[in-house]
Amino acid sequence: MKVQNFDHLMELASKNSDMQHFYVILAGGLARSGKRILYHRDSDTFDIVHEIDESHEELSSLELLKNQFFIRALENNCLFLSSIE
């Protein structure tokens, strides 16, 4: 499922209070970058695990809105919720 906008990302990433699997389409579809994301409504923060190296970061909504990787992914319709659980 394509993530429509930032509010949609917050909605999908807070589902079931568990990390959700997302991916970003790269290089015109030749590659993808997997992410596990959980949005915490109470603190307005995101926990993000980058699946390529299992690195973790916690970002506020404001910080994520300034993150060019995620903003470009949303603007270019390249961020998707994975259907694989």
Protein backbone atom coordinates (compact mmCIF):
# COMPACT_ATOMS: atom_id res chain seq x y z
CA MET A 1 0.00 0.00 0.00
CA LYS A 2 1.39 3.37 -1.02
CA VAL A 3 1.84 5.89 1.80
CA GLN A 4 -0.18 8.93 0.69
CA ASN A 5 1.28 11.60 2.98
CA PHE A 6 2.86 12.22 6.37
CA ASP A 7 -0.44 11.84 8.27
CA HIS A 8 -1.03 8.54 6.50
CA LEU A 9 2.46 7.39 7.56
CA MET A 10 1.63 8.26 11.20
CA GLU A 11 -1.63 6.32 10.95
CA LEU A 12 -0.05 3.23 9.39
CA ALA A 13 3.01 3.26 11.66
CA SER A 14 0.92 3.37 14.83
CA LYS A 15 -1.22 0.38 13.89
CA ASN A 16 -1.38 -2.33 16.59
CA SER A 17 1.37 -0.59 18.64
CA ASP A 18 3.93 -2.71 16.80
CA MET A 19 6.59 -1.91 14.21
CA GLN A 20 5.28 -1.99 10.68
CA HIS A 21 7.34 -2.99 7.65
CA PHE A 22 7.79 -0.30 5.01
CA TYR A 23 10.01 0.00 1.99
CA VAL A 24 11.24 2.83 -0.21
CA ILE A 25 11.61 2.25 -3.96
CA LEU A 26 15.05 3.39 -5.13
CA ALA A 27 16.70 3.89 -8.53
CA GLY A 28 13.45 3.81 -10.47
CA GLY A 29 12.46 0.45 -9.00
CA LEU A 30 15.81 -1.33 -9.33
CA ALA A 31 16.25 -1.51 -5.54
CA ARG A 32 14.39 -0.94 -2.34
CA SER A 33 15.26 0.06 1.19
CA GLY A 34 13.42 -1.73 4.00
CA LYS A 35 12.39 0.08 7.17
CA ARG A 36 10.51 -1.00 10.27
CA ILE A 37 8.66 1.98 11.70
CA LEU A 38 6.59 2.57 14.81
CA TYR A 39 4.91 5.89 15.58
CA HIS A 40 4.27 6.75 19.24
CA ARG A 41 1.29 9.11 19.39
CA ASP A 42 1.83 9.97 23.06
CA SER A 43 5.36 11.32 22.48
CA ASP A 44 4.99 12.22 18.77
CA THR A 45 8.11 10.21 17.93
CA PHE A 46 9.06 7.56 15.42
CA ASP A 47 11.23 4.51 16.07
CA ILE A 48 12.88 3.49 12.81
CA VAL A 49 14.97 0.39 12.14
CA HIS A 50 16.91 0.42 8.87
CA GLU A 51 16.83 -3.20 7.75
CA ILE A 52 20.02 -3.02 5.69
CA ASP A 53 22.16 -2.83 8.84
CA GLU A 54 19.61 -3.06 11.69
CA SER A 55 20.56 0.44 12.85
CA HIS A 56 17.95 2.23 14.94
CA GLU A 57 17.00 5.85 15.33
CA GLU A 58 14.32 7.72 17.20
CA LEU A 59 13.05 10.91 15.58
CA SER A 60 10.36 13.40 16.50
CA SER A 61 7.76 14.16 13.85
CA LEU A 62 9.47 17.49 13.23
CA GLU A 63 12.85 15.79 12.73
CA LEU A 64 11.34 13.26 10.33
CA LEU A 65 9.67 16.07 8.37
CA LYS A 66 13.14 17.57 7.90
CA ASN A 67 14.66 14.24 6.81
CA GLN A 68 15.23 14.56 3.06
CA PHE A 69 15.22 10.79 2.44
CA PHE A 70 11.68 10.39 3.83
CA ILE A 71 10.37 13.64 2.37
CA ARG A 72 11.60 12.71 -1.12
CA ALA A 73 10.14 9.22 -0.74
CA LEU A 74 6.74 10.71 0.11
CA GLU A 75 6.89 13.40 -2.58
CA ASN A 76 7.90 10.88 -5.25
CA ASN A 77 5.30 8.28 -4.18
CA CYS A 78 8.04 5.79 -3.34
CA LEU A 79 7.14 4.85 0.27
CA PHE A 80 5.03 1.74 0.75
CA LEU A 81 3.66 -0.35 3.59
CA SER A 82 4.76 -3.91 2.96
CA SER A 83 2.05 -6.51 2.63
CA ILE A 84 4.47 -9.13 4.00
CA GLU A 85 4.22 -9.54 7.76
